[in-house]
Amino acid sequence: MALLAIFGLLILLYYLAYLILPSILDCDLMLAYKEIFGKPVSSLKGKVVWITGASSGIGEHLAYVLAKAGCKLILSARRVAELQQVKKRCLEGNKSLSDDDVEVYPLDLLDEDSHKKAFLHVIDKFGKLDILVNNAGRSQRAQWEEIEMTVDREMFDLNVFSCISLSRLAVKHFLQTGTGQIVINSSVAGFLPAIKSATYCGAKHALHGYFKSLMMEHHESNIDVTIVSPGPVQTDFLAESFTEKAGEKYGVKTEVDNKSKVSVERCAILMGVAIANKLDEVWIAKPTALRLVYIFYCFPNFAKWFMKSLGTKYLMKVRDAQVSKQN
């Protein structure tokens, strides 16, 4: 009987830890542990890393983190001038890197026919690829029943199919070289319902399905998959977000809220830690969003009732990191 009591107490403490600790953290427990006790980002020195969507936001700042660590980088996006600026800052941040160590390669991810040519360019340039970071993508603000099917297709083409296309090329290369890592910049919307972002939510769910299957198929090989799921991050993402209408952009400037949103610099650092430690899946968010993630995972039946009790308006505020303005 005493043994059962001890066992029950341990289970209770386990769940309490997952409810209490997120109140003081900005990422999941394993990532927080690895940041202190795991491999540092500097352990990636010399790795060849290709980052898509590297001209701004998380991709841009991840480039700075990896450049500081001594990685050789390929920076891809459509905006050449912005990529050149990112390259300049990468070289300024680590004087030991030469101009040849950071390659700017403009790429329209929607042009899947160009992916193989781009991949061959990377291999010709550096002789190999160690890590592919699928970072490019767009968010959404739209009413579910008003979304045009064209928007659904465009979102999946950019946020899902372009990632799969590049990643399949990378995985085939990794199988030849014997090692490699695929990194996916997803979202907590990849496993939690996201209000007014149905297509975005569906696309991120699809990424988890595709790349968790990849994890299982190659769990005995040296091919690693890291899915990074941020909550609200301080980037100017709303301006480029999809709406319910094809060809339309949301066009709203993202408000600055350092209390409820993880800074883009901090998100990039934590992403670097996740890559260095080859973690399967990580969450990055401030406590309000992070607690909801853990409640959903640890207590799914309770979470269903709890989400309904909170209501749509509150969940919208959490999604847009506006809760702190109420408090």
C-alpha atoms as a PDB file:
ATOM      1  CA  MET A   1       0.000   0.000   0.000  1.00  0.00           C
ATOM      2  CA  ALA A   2       2.840   2.370   0.866  1.00  0.00           C
ATOM      3  CA  LEU A   3       4.439   1.636  -2.505  1.00  0.00           C
ATOM      4  CA  LEU A   4       1.221   2.552  -4.320  1.00  0.00           C
ATOM      5  CA  ALA A   5       0.990   5.783  -2.340  1.00  0.00           C
ATOM      6  CA  ILE A   6       4.547   6.712  -3.292  1.00  0.00           C
ATOM      7  CA  PHE A   7       3.841   5.856  -6.919  1.00  0.00           C
ATOM      8  CA  GLY A   8       0.684   7.996  -6.869  1.00  0.00           C
ATOM      9  CA  LEU A   9       2.569  10.893  -5.283  1.00  0.00           C
ATOM     10  CA  LEU A  10       5.237  10.715  -7.973  1.00  0.00           C
ATOM     11  CA  ILE A  11       2.594  10.832 -10.696  1.00  0.00           C
ATOM     12  CA  LEU A  12       0.951  13.817  -8.993  1.00  0.00           C
ATOM     13  CA  LEU A  13       4.278  15.642  -8.717  1.00  0.00           C
ATOM     14  CA  TYR A  14       5.012  14.866 -12.373  1.00  0.00           C
ATOM     15  CA  TYR A  15       1.797  16.494 -13.538  1.00  0.00           C
ATOM     16  CA  LEU A  16       2.141  19.401 -11.118  1.00  0.00           C
ATOM     17  CA  ALA A  17       5.607  20.106 -12.523  1.00  0.00           C
ATOM     18  CA  TYR A  18       4.121  20.307 -16.010  1.00  0.00           C
ATOM     19  CA  LEU A  19       1.511  22.778 -14.794  1.00  0.00           C
ATOM     20  CA  ILE A  20       3.699  24.961 -12.549  1.00  0.00           C
ATOM     21  CA  LEU A  21       7.014  25.197 -14.411  1.00  0.00           C
ATOM     22  CA  PRO A  22       5.498  26.615 -17.631  1.00  0.00           C
ATOM     23  CA  SER A  23       4.533  29.643 -15.518  1.00  0.00           C
ATOM     24  CA  ILE A  24       8.194  30.660 -15.321  1.00  0.00           C
ATOM     25  CA  LEU A  25       9.500  29.346 -18.646  1.00  0.00           C
ATOM     26  CA  ASP A  26       9.307  30.445 -22.279  1.00  0.00           C
ATOM     27  CA  CYS A  27       9.695  26.944 -23.739  1.00  0.00           C
ATOM     28  CA  ASP A  28       8.925  23.319 -22.947  1.00  0.00           C
ATOM     29  CA  LEU A  29      10.721  21.567 -20.086  1.00  0.00           C
ATOM     30  CA  MET A  30      13.075  19.462 -22.202  1.00  0.00           C
ATOM     31  CA  LEU A  31      14.222  22.441 -24.251  1.00  0.00           C
ATOM     32  CA  ALA A  32      14.752  24.475 -21.070  1.00  0.00           C
ATOM     33  CA  TYR A  33      16.829  21.601 -19.638  1.00  0.00           C
ATOM     34  CA  LYS A  34      18.908  21.249 -22.810  1.00  0.00           C
ATOM     35  CA  GLU A  35      19.594  24.989 -22.899  1.00  0.00           C
ATOM     36  CA  ILE A  36      21.364  24.637 -19.544  1.00  0.00           C
ATOM     37  CA  PHE A  37      22.749  21.102 -19.597  1.00  0.00           C
ATOM     38  CA  GLY A  38      22.683  20.044 -23.252  1.00  0.00           C
ATOM     39  CA  LYS A  39      24.936  20.721 -26.213  1.00  0.00           C
ATOM     40  CA  PRO A  40      25.543  24.418 -26.907  1.00  0.00           C
ATOM     41  CA  VAL A  41      24.693  25.924 -30.278  1.00  0.00           C
ATOM     42  CA  SER A  42      28.456  26.293 -30.829  1.00  0.00           C
ATOM     43  CA  SER A  43      28.602  22.478 -31.213  1.00  0.00           C
ATOM     44  CA  LEU A  44      27.158  23.061 -34.713  1.00  0.00           C
ATOM     45  CA  LYS A  45      30.366  24.786 -35.847  1.00  0.00           C
ATOM     46  CA  GLY A  46      31.273  23.832 -39.412  1.00  0.00           C
ATOM     47  CA  LYS A  47      27.820  22.428 -40.243  1.00  0.00           C
ATOM     48  CA  VAL A  48      26.320  23.405 -43.595  1.00  0.00           C
ATOM     49  CA  VAL A  49      22.833  24.789 -42.951  1.00  0.00           C
ATOM     50  CA  TRP A  50      20.267  25.880 -45.543  1.00  0.00           C
ATOM     51  CA  ILE A  51      17.584  28.262 -44.235  1.00  0.00           C
ATOM     52  CA  THR A  52      14.494  29.124 -46.288  1.00  0.00           C
ATOM     53  CA  GLY A  53      12.598  32.311 -45.486  1.00  0.00           C
ATOM     54  CA  ALA A  54      15.874  33.801 -44.271  1.00  0.00           C
ATOM     55  CA  SER A  55      15.217  37.415 -45.294  1.00  0.00           C
ATOM     56  CA  SER A  56      13.244  38.367 -42.167  1.00  0.00           C
ATOM     57  CA  GLY A  57      11.693  37.175 -38.912  1.00  0.00           C
ATOM     58  CA  ILE A  58      12.725  33.927 -37.263  1.00  0.00           C
ATOM     59  CA  GLY A  59      14.714  32.745 -40.287  1.00  0.00           C
ATOM     60  CA  GLU A  60      16.776  35.928 -40.337  1.00  0.00           C
ATOM     61  CA  HIS A  61      17.614  35.773 -36.632  1.00  0.00           C
ATOM     62  CA  LEU A  62      18.314  32.051 -36.739  1.00  0.00           C
ATOM     63  CA  ALA A  63      20.910  32.866 -39.404  1.00  0.00           C
ATOM     64  CA  TYR A  64      22.626  35.237 -36.952  1.00  0.00           C
ATOM     65  CA  VAL A  65      22.604  32.579 -34.194  1.00  0.00           C
ATOM     66  CA  LEU A  66      24.065  29.904 -36.477  1.00  0.00           C
ATOM     67  CA  ALA A  67      26.605  32.284 -38.032  1.00  0.00           C
ATOM     68  CA  LYS A  68      27.836  33.180 -34.548  1.00  0.00           C
ATOM     69  CA  ALA A  69      28.190  29.436 -33.883  1.00  0.00           C
ATOM     70  CA  GLY A  70      30.418  29.081 -36.963  1.00  0.00           C
ATOM     71  CA  CYS A  71      28.001  27.361 -39.348  1.00  0.00           C
ATOM     72  CA  LYS A  72      28.252  27.704 -43.110  1.00  0.00           C
ATOM     73  CA  LEU A  73      24.965  29.076 -44.381  1.00  0.00           C
ATOM     74  CA  ILE A  74      22.781  29.134 -47.467  1.00  0.00           C
ATOM     75  CA  LEU A  75      20.179  31.899 -47.171  1.00  0.00           C
ATOM     76  CA  SER A  76      17.105  31.613 -49.390  1.00  0.00           C
ATOM     77  CA  ALA A  77      14.050  33.790 -49.950  1.00  0.00           C
ATOM     78  CA  ARG A  78      12.654  35.884 -52.802  1.00  0.00           C
ATOM     79  CA  ARG A  79      13.938  39.265 -51.577  1.00  0.00           C
ATOM     80  CA  VAL A  80      17.568  39.508 -52.664  1.00  0.00           C
ATOM     81  CA  ALA A  81      18.383  42.899 -51.109  1.00  0.00           C
ATOM     82  CA  GLU A  82      17.170  41.749 -47.681  1.00  0.00           C
ATOM     83  CA  LEU A  83      19.134  38.494 -47.974  1.00  0.00           C
ATOM     84  CA  GLN A  84      22.289  40.456 -48.748  1.00  0.00           C
ATOM     85  CA  GLN A  85      21.754  42.508 -45.589  1.00  0.00           C
ATOM     86  CA  VAL A  86      21.299  39.340 -43.539  1.00  0.00           C
ATOM     87  CA  LYS A  87      24.523  37.954 -45.008  1.00  0.00           C
ATOM     88  CA  LYS A  88      26.353  41.169 -44.142  1.00  0.00           C
ATOM     89  CA  ARG A  89      25.202  40.992 -40.513  1.00  0.00           C
ATOM     90  CA  CYS A  90      26.121  37.299 -40.302  1.00  0.00           C
ATOM     91  CA  LEU A  91      29.683  38.091 -41.380  1.00  0.00           C
ATOM     92  CA  GLU A  92      29.846  41.057 -39.007  1.00  0.00           C
ATOM     93  CA  GLY A  93      28.678  38.805 -36.154  1.00  0.00           C
ATOM     94  CA  ASN A  94      31.460  36.257 -36.723  1.00  0.00           C
ATOM     95  CA  LYS A  95      34.698  37.598 -38.196  1.00  0.00           C
ATOM     96  CA  SER A  96      36.050  34.063 -38.590  1.00  0.00           C
ATOM     97  CA  LEU A  97      33.533  33.403 -41.384  1.00  0.00           C
ATOM     98  CA  SER A  98      34.598  34.302 -44.910  1.00  0.00           C
ATOM     99  CA  ASP A  99      32.402  35.657 -47.691  1.00  0.00           C
ATOM    100  CA  ASP A 100      32.281  32.159 -49.212  1.00  0.00           C
ATOM    101  CA  ASP A 101      30.887  30.707 -45.986  1.00  0.00           C
ATOM    102  CA  VAL A 102      27.547  32.498 -46.361  1.00  0.00           C
ATOM    103  CA  GLU A 103      25.782  31.978 -49.691  1.00  0.00           C
ATOM    104  CA  VAL A 104      22.774  33.997 -50.810  1.00  0.00           C
ATOM    105  CA  TYR A 105      20.567  31.920 -53.095  1.00  0.00           C
ATOM    106  CA  PRO A 106      17.284  33.605 -54.135  1.00  0.00           C
ATOM    107  CA  LEU A 107      14.468  31.069 -54.360  1.00  0.00           C
ATOM    108  CA  ASP A 108      10.729  31.127 -54.960  1.00  0.00           C
ATOM    109  CA  LEU A 109       9.602  28.085 -52.995  1.00  0.00           C
ATOM    110  CA  LEU A 110       6.357  27.890 -54.955  1.00  0.00           C
ATOM    111  CA  ASP A 111       8.376  27.039 -58.066  1.00  0.00           C
ATOM    112  CA  GLU A 112       8.930  23.372 -57.240  1.00  0.00           C
ATOM    113  CA  ASP A 113      10.625  22.793 -60.594  1.00  0.00           C
ATOM    114  CA  SER A 114      13.505  24.976 -59.375  1.00  0.00           C
ATOM    115  CA  HIS A 115      14.089  23.008 -56.147  1.00  0.00           C
ATOM    116  CA  LYS A 116      16.400  20.373 -57.607  1.00  0.00           C
ATOM    117  CA  LYS A 117      18.546  23.006 -59.323  1.00  0.00           C
ATOM    118  CA  ALA A 118      18.773  24.914 -56.028  1.00  0.00           C
ATOM    119  CA  PHE A 119      19.695  21.767 -54.123  1.00  0.00           C
ATOM    120  CA  LEU A 120      22.427  20.867 -56.613  1.00  0.00           C
ATOM    121  CA  HIS A 121      23.801  24.398 -56.290  1.00  0.00           C
ATOM    122  CA  VAL A 122      24.109  23.939 -52.523  1.00  0.00           C
ATOM    123  CA  ILE A 123      25.948  20.637 -52.942  1.00  0.00           C
ATOM    124  CA  ASP A 124      28.231  22.083 -55.629  1.00  0.00           C
ATOM    125  CA  LYS A 125      29.007  25.057 -53.397  1.00  0.00           C
ATOM    126  CA  PHE A 126      29.701  23.263 -50.100  1.00  0.00           C
ATOM    127  CA  GLY A 127      30.042  19.618 -51.093  1.00  0.00           C
ATOM    128  CA  LYS A 128      27.282  18.555 -48.719  1.00  0.00           C
ATOM    129  CA  LEU A 129      24.264  19.651 -46.714  1.00  0.00           C
ATOM    130  CA  ASP A 130      23.995  18.853 -43.001  1.00  0.00           C
ATOM    131  CA  ILE A 131      20.805  20.662 -41.958  1.00  0.00           C
ATOM    132  CA  LEU A 132      17.791  21.916 -43.917  1.00  0.00           C
ATOM    133  CA  VAL A 133      15.664  24.486 -42.058  1.00  0.00           C
ATOM    134  CA  ASN A 134      12.182  24.794 -43.574  1.00  0.00           C
ATOM    135  CA  ASN A 135      11.262  28.190 -42.189  1.00  0.00           C
ATOM    136  CA  ALA A 136       9.387  30.022 -44.970  1.00  0.00           C
ATOM    137  CA  GLY A 137       5.635  30.436 -44.630  1.00  0.00           C
ATOM    138  CA  ARG A 138       2.713  32.797 -44.042  1.00  0.00           C
ATOM    139  CA  SER A 139       0.032  33.036 -41.362  1.00  0.00           C
ATOM    140  CA  GLN A 140      -3.675  33.822 -41.795  1.00  0.00           C
ATOM    141  CA  ARG A 141      -6.613  35.802 -40.414  1.00  0.00           C
ATOM    142  CA  ALA A 142      -9.949  34.678 -41.857  1.00  0.00           C
ATOM    143  CA  GLN A 143     -13.472  33.487 -41.050  1.00  0.00           C
ATOM    144  CA  TRP A 144     -13.725  29.697 -41.586  1.00  0.00           C
ATOM    145  CA  GLU A 145     -16.805  29.564 -43.852  1.00  0.00           C
ATOM    146  CA  GLU A 146     -15.670  32.540 -45.968  1.00  0.00           C
ATOM    147  CA  ILE A 147     -12.274  31.120 -46.977  1.00  0.00           C
ATOM    148  CA  GLU A 148     -11.946  30.618 -50.729  1.00  0.00           C
ATOM    149  CA  MET A 149     -10.602  27.231 -51.790  1.00  0.00           C
ATOM    150  CA  THR A 150      -7.870  28.999 -53.763  1.00  0.00           C
ATOM    151  CA  VAL A 151      -6.517  30.323 -50.459  1.00  0.00           C
ATOM    152  CA  ASP A 152      -6.438  26.796 -49.011  1.00  0.00           C
ATOM    153  CA  ARG A 153      -4.454  25.558 -52.000  1.00  0.00           C
ATOM    154  CA  GLU A 154      -2.052  28.507 -51.969  1.00  0.00           C
ATOM    155  CA  MET A 155      -1.401  28.111 -48.246  1.00  0.00           C
ATOM    156  CA  PHE A 156      -0.703  24.392 -48.550  1.00  0.00           C
ATOM    157  CA  ASP A 157       1.531  24.962 -51.576  1.00  0.00           C
ATOM    158  CA  LEU A 158       3.696  27.391 -49.592  1.00  0.00           C
ATOM    159  CA  ASN A 159       3.529  26.098 -46.016  1.00  0.00           C
ATOM    160  CA  VAL A 160       3.418  22.353 -46.724  1.00  0.00           C
ATOM    161  CA  PHE A 161       4.211  21.120 -50.222  1.00  0.00           C
ATOM    162  CA  SER A 162       7.257  23.332 -50.774  1.00  0.00           C
ATOM    163  CA  CYS A 163       8.709  22.008 -47.492  1.00  0.00           C
ATOM    164  CA  ILE A 164       8.033  18.424 -48.504  1.00  0.00           C
ATOM    165  CA  SER A 165       9.588  18.934 -51.941  1.00  0.00           C
ATOM    166  CA  LEU A 166      12.863  20.327 -50.578  1.00  0.00           C
ATOM    167  CA  SER A 167      12.945  17.877 -47.674  1.00  0.00           C
ATOM    168  CA  ARG A 168      12.613  14.825 -49.932  1.00  0.00           C
ATOM    169  CA  LEU A 169      15.654  15.999 -51.872  1.00  0.00           C
ATOM    170  CA  ALA A 170      17.509  16.500 -48.597  1.00  0.00           C
ATOM    171  CA  VAL A 171      16.524  13.105 -47.157  1.00  0.00           C
ATOM    172  CA  LYS A 172      17.752  11.304 -50.279  1.00  0.00           C
ATOM    173  CA  HIS A 173      21.065  13.173 -49.899  1.00  0.00           C
ATOM    174  CA  PHE A 174      21.243  12.307 -46.187  1.00  0.00           C
ATOM    175  CA  LEU A 175      20.672   8.625 -46.946  1.00  0.00           C
ATOM    176  CA  GLN A 176      23.701   8.749 -49.239  1.00  0.00           C
ATOM    177  CA  THR A 177      25.926  10.632 -46.790  1.00  0.00           C
ATOM    178  CA  GLY A 178      24.676   8.665 -43.775  1.00  0.00           C
ATOM    179  CA  THR A 179      23.537  11.614 -41.654  1.00  0.00           C
ATOM    180  CA  GLY A 180      21.500  14.825 -41.724  1.00  0.00           C
ATOM    181  CA  GLN A 181      18.772  16.839 -40.041  1.00  0.00           C
ATOM    182  CA  ILE A 182      15.467  18.283 -41.206  1.00  0.00           C
ATOM    183  CA  VAL A 183      14.124  21.231 -39.194  1.00  0.00           C
ATOM    184  CA  ILE A 184      10.520  22.403 -39.516  1.00  0.00           C
ATOM    185  CA  ASN A 185       9.375  25.770 -38.222  1.00  0.00           C
ATOM    186  CA  SER A 186       5.789  24.873 -37.380  1.00  0.00           C
ATOM    187  CA  SER A 187       3.516  26.418 -34.731  1.00  0.00           C
ATOM    188  CA  VAL A 188       1.508  25.446 -31.668  1.00  0.00           C
ATOM    189  CA  ALA A 189      -1.345  25.730 -34.193  1.00  0.00           C
ATOM    190  CA  GLY A 190       0.052  22.469 -35.561  1.00  0.00           C
ATOM    191  CA  PHE A 191      -1.585  20.558 -32.703  1.00  0.00           C
ATOM    192  CA  LEU A 192      -3.950  23.045 -31.022  1.00  0.00           C
ATOM    193  CA  PRO A 193      -7.048  24.560 -32.661  1.00  0.00           C
ATOM    194  CA  ALA A 194      -6.387  28.068 -33.963  1.00  0.00           C
ATOM    195  CA  ILE A 195      -9.295  30.505 -34.220  1.00  0.00           C
ATOM    196  CA  LYS A 196      -9.669  32.592 -37.404  1.00  0.00           C
ATOM    197  CA  SER A 197      -6.718  30.739 -38.968  1.00  0.00           C
ATOM    198  CA  ALA A 198      -8.278  27.544 -40.256  1.00  0.00           C
ATOM    199  CA  THR A 199      -6.118  27.085 -43.345  1.00  0.00           C
ATOM    200  CA  TYR A 200      -2.937  27.960 -41.464  1.00  0.00           C
ATOM    201  CA  CYS A 201      -3.907  25.559 -38.678  1.00  0.00           C
ATOM    202  CA  GLY A 202      -4.652  22.791 -41.180  1.00  0.00           C
ATOM    203  CA  ALA A 203      -1.332  23.353 -42.966  1.00  0.00           C
ATOM    204  CA  LYS A 204       0.649  23.185 -39.731  1.00  0.00           C
ATOM    205  CA  HIS A 205      -1.225  20.032 -38.671  1.00  0.00           C
ATOM    206  CA  ALA A 206      -0.250  18.547 -42.037  1.00  0.00           C
ATOM    207  CA  LEU A 207       3.434  19.324 -41.409  1.00  0.00           C
ATOM    208  CA  HIS A 208       3.309  17.417 -38.126  1.00  0.00           C
ATOM    209  CA  GLY A 209       1.695  14.448 -39.863  1.00  0.00           C
ATOM    210  CA  TYR A 210       4.206  14.367 -42.705  1.00  0.00           C
ATOM    211  CA  PHE A 211       7.346  14.868 -40.652  1.00  0.00           C
ATOM    212  CA  LYS A 212       6.408  12.702 -37.671  1.00  0.00           C
ATOM    213  CA  SER A 213       5.927   9.931 -40.229  1.00  0.00           C
ATOM    214  CA  LEU A 214       9.433  10.704 -41.497  1.00  0.00           C
ATOM    215  CA  MET A 215      10.721  10.407 -37.905  1.00  0.00           C
ATOM    216  CA  MET A 216       9.202   6.942 -37.575  1.00  0.00           C
ATOM    217  CA  GLU A 217      10.381   5.671 -40.950  1.00  0.00           C
ATOM    218  CA  HIS A 218      13.994   6.673 -40.325  1.00  0.00           C
ATOM    219  CA  HIS A 219      14.271   6.348 -36.526  1.00  0.00           C
ATOM    220  CA  GLU A 220      17.017   3.730 -36.943  1.00  0.00           C
ATOM    221  CA  SER A 221      19.071   5.853 -39.335  1.00  0.00           C
ATOM    222  CA  ASN A 222      21.082   8.992 -38.621  1.00  0.00           C
ATOM    223  CA  ILE A 223      18.418  11.254 -40.112  1.00  0.00           C
ATOM    224  CA  ASP A 224      17.001  13.537 -37.429  1.00  0.00           C
ATOM    225  CA  VAL A 225      13.797  15.590 -37.585  1.00  0.00           C
ATOM    226  CA  THR A 226      13.217  18.608 -35.352  1.00  0.00           C
ATOM    227  CA  ILE A 227       9.787  20.247 -35.306  1.00  0.00           C
ATOM    228  CA  VAL A 228       9.818  23.702 -33.713  1.00  0.00           C
ATOM    229  CA  SER A 229       6.400  24.957 -32.600  1.00  0.00           C
ATOM    230  CA  PRO A 230       6.402  28.602 -31.496  1.00  0.00           C
ATOM    231  CA  GLY A 231       3.441  30.393 -29.978  1.00  0.00           C
ATOM    232  CA  PRO A 232       3.168  34.187 -30.342  1.00  0.00           C
ATOM    233  CA  VAL A 233       6.549  35.602 -31.445  1.00  0.00           C
ATOM    234  CA  GLN A 234       7.365  39.269 -31.956  1.00  0.00           C
ATOM    235  CA  THR A 235       7.653  39.429 -35.745  1.00  0.00           C
ATOM    236  CA  ASP A 236       5.801  41.555 -38.286  1.00  0.00           C
ATOM    237  CA  PHE A 237       3.897  38.576 -39.680  1.00  0.00           C
ATOM    238  CA  LEU A 238       0.386  40.024 -39.926  1.00  0.00           C
ATOM    239  CA  ALA A 239       1.148  42.309 -42.874  1.00  0.00           C
ATOM    240  CA  GLU A 240       1.818  39.329 -45.175  1.00  0.00           C
ATOM    241  CA  SER A 241      -0.820  37.004 -43.714  1.00  0.00           C
ATOM    242  CA  PHE A 242      -3.440  35.341 -45.906  1.00  0.00           C
ATOM    243  CA  THR A 243      -7.083  36.334 -45.476  1.00  0.00           C
ATOM    244  CA  GLU A 244     -10.151  34.475 -46.785  1.00  0.00           C
ATOM    245  CA  LYS A 245      -9.752  36.022 -50.248  1.00  0.00           C
ATOM    246  CA  ALA A 246      -7.220  34.894 -52.870  1.00  0.00           C
ATOM    247  CA  GLY A 247      -4.527  37.467 -53.623  1.00  0.00           C
ATOM    248  CA  GLU A 248      -5.348  39.543 -50.545  1.00  0.00           C
ATOM    249  CA  LYS A 249      -2.971  40.284 -47.654  1.00  0.00           C
ATOM    250  CA  TYR A 250      -4.127  41.074 -44.122  1.00  0.00           C
ATOM    251  CA  GLY A 251      -1.939  44.180 -44.191  1.00  0.00           C
ATOM    252  CA  VAL A 252      -2.062  44.983 -40.470  1.00  0.00           C
ATOM    253  CA  LYS A 253       1.050  46.002 -38.566  1.00  0.00           C
ATOM    254  CA  THR A 254       1.808  43.555 -35.748  1.00  0.00           C
ATOM    255  CA  GLU A 255       1.684  45.224 -32.329  1.00  0.00           C
ATOM    256  CA  VAL A 256       4.721  45.082 -30.073  1.00  0.00           C
ATOM    257  CA  ASP A 257       4.046  43.227 -26.808  1.00  0.00           C
ATOM    258  CA  ASN A 258       7.176  41.959 -25.101  1.00  0.00           C
ATOM    259  CA  LYS A 259       5.204  40.636 -22.134  1.00  0.00           C
ATOM    260  CA  SER A 260       3.056  38.164 -24.070  1.00  0.00           C
ATOM    261  CA  LYS A 261       5.265  37.471 -27.087  1.00  0.00           C
ATOM    262  CA  VAL A 262       8.634  35.769 -27.216  1.00  0.00           C
ATOM    263  CA  SER A 263      11.184  38.057 -28.865  1.00  0.00           C
ATOM    264  CA  VAL A 264      12.358  36.902 -32.280  1.00  0.00           C
ATOM    265  CA  GLU A 265      15.955  36.901 -30.991  1.00  0.00           C
ATOM    266  CA  ARG A 266      15.042  34.603 -28.080  1.00  0.00           C
ATOM    267  CA  CYS A 267      13.024  32.299 -30.347  1.00  0.00           C
ATOM    268  CA  ALA A 268      16.020  31.953 -32.682  1.00  0.00           C
ATOM    269  CA  ILE A 269      18.360  31.111 -29.786  1.00  0.00           C
ATOM    270  CA  LEU A 270      16.005  28.417 -28.481  1.00  0.00           C
ATOM    271  CA  MET A 271      15.603  27.074 -32.011  1.00  0.00           C
ATOM    272  CA  GLY A 272      19.387  26.826 -32.256  1.00  0.00           C
ATOM    273  CA  VAL A 273      19.475  24.854 -28.982  1.00  0.00           C
ATOM    274  CA  ALA A 274      16.795  22.478 -30.308  1.00  0.00           C
ATOM    275  CA  ILE A 275      18.794  21.905 -33.502  1.00  0.00           C
ATOM    276  CA  ALA A 276      22.075  21.357 -31.663  1.00  0.00           C
ATOM    277  CA  ASN A 277      20.473  18.780 -29.341  1.00  0.00           C
ATOM    278  CA  LYS A 278      18.457  17.115 -32.143  1.00  0.00           C
ATOM    279  CA  LEU A 279      15.214  17.352 -30.190  1.00  0.00           C
ATOM    280  CA  ASP A 280      12.188  15.813 -31.906  1.00  0.00           C
ATOM    281  CA  GLU A 281       9.636  18.495 -31.049  1.00  0.00           C
ATOM    282  CA  VAL A 282       9.873  21.697 -29.034  1.00  0.00           C
ATOM    283  CA  TRP A 283       7.456  24.421 -27.963  1.00  0.00           C
ATOM    284  CA  ILE A 284       8.410  28.073 -27.592  1.00  0.00           C
ATOM    285  CA  ALA A 285       5.919  30.464 -25.975  1.00  0.00           C
ATOM    286  CA  LYS A 286       5.346  32.782 -23.046  1.00  0.00           C
ATOM    287  CA  PRO A 287       3.573  31.291 -19.961  1.00  0.00           C
ATOM    288  CA  THR A 288      -0.048  32.098 -20.887  1.00  0.00           C
ATOM    289  CA  ALA A 289       0.133  30.183 -24.171  1.00  0.00           C
ATOM    290  CA  LEU A 290       2.528  27.559 -22.814  1.00  0.00           C
ATOM    291  CA  ARG A 291       0.177  26.615 -19.955  1.00  0.00           C
ATOM    292  CA  LEU A 292      -2.640  26.031 -22.440  1.00  0.00           C
ATOM    293  CA  VAL A 293      -0.373  23.751 -24.473  1.00  0.00           C
ATOM    294  CA  TYR A 294       0.466  21.634 -21.421  1.00  0.00           C
ATOM    295  CA  ILE A 295      -3.159  21.482 -20.247  1.00  0.00           C
ATOM    296  CA  PHE A 296      -4.175  20.288 -23.705  1.00  0.00           C
ATOM    297  CA  TYR A 297      -1.458  17.609 -23.691  1.00  0.00           C
ATOM    298  CA  CYS A 298      -1.658  16.421 -20.079  1.00  0.00           C
ATOM    299  CA  PHE A 299      -5.430  16.653 -19.569  1.00  0.00           C
ATOM    300  CA  PRO A 300      -7.131  16.337 -22.984  1.00  0.00           C
ATOM    301  CA  ASN A 301     -10.626  15.681 -21.604  1.00  0.00           C
ATOM    302  CA  PHE A 302     -10.389  18.579 -19.177  1.00  0.00           C
ATOM    303  CA  ALA A 303      -8.875  20.733 -21.913  1.00  0.00           C
ATOM    304  CA  LYS A 304     -11.945  20.325 -24.128  1.00  0.00           C
ATOM    305  CA  TRP A 305     -14.205  21.718 -21.387  1.00  0.00           C
ATOM    306  CA  PHE A 306     -11.640  24.315 -20.353  1.00  0.00           C
ATOM    307  CA  MET A 307     -11.256  25.685 -23.884  1.00  0.00           C
ATOM    308  CA  LYS A 308     -15.032  26.086 -24.211  1.00  0.00           C
ATOM    309  CA  SER A 309     -15.182  27.782 -20.808  1.00  0.00           C
ATOM    310  CA  LEU A 310     -12.520  30.299 -21.791  1.00  0.00           C
ATOM    311  CA  GLY A 311     -14.499  31.251 -24.858  1.00  0.00           C
ATOM    312  CA  THR A 312     -13.598  32.344 -28.365  1.00  0.00           C
ATOM    313  CA  LYS A 313     -12.718  35.933 -27.443  1.00  0.00           C
ATOM    314  CA  TYR A 314     -10.193  34.893 -24.793  1.00  0.00           C
ATOM    315  CA  LEU A 315      -8.571  32.315 -27.075  1.00  0.00           C
ATOM    316  CA  MET A 316      -8.300  34.996 -29.775  1.00  0.00           C
ATOM    317  CA  LYS A 317      -6.497  37.238 -27.286  1.00  0.00           C
ATOM    318  CA  VAL A 318      -4.085  34.420 -26.380  1.00  0.00           C
ATOM    319  CA  ARG A 319      -3.458  33.730 -30.065  1.00  0.00           C
ATOM    320  CA  ASP A 320      -2.756  37.419 -30.728  1.00  0.00           C
ATOM    321  CA  ALA A 321      -0.880  37.865 -27.409  1.00  0.00           C
ATOM    322  CA  GLN A 322      -3.287  40.498 -26.088  1.00  0.00           C
ATOM    323  CA  VAL A 323      -4.074  38.918 -22.709  1.00  0.00           C
ATOM    324  CA  SER A 324      -1.501  41.032 -20.890  1.00  0.00           C
ATOM    325  CA  LYS A 325      -3.344  44.195 -21.912  1.00  0.00           C
ATOM    326  CA  GLN A 326      -6.363  43.043 -19.927  1.00  0.00           C
ATOM    327  CA  ASN A 327      -4.415  42.277 -16.760  1.00  0.00           C
END
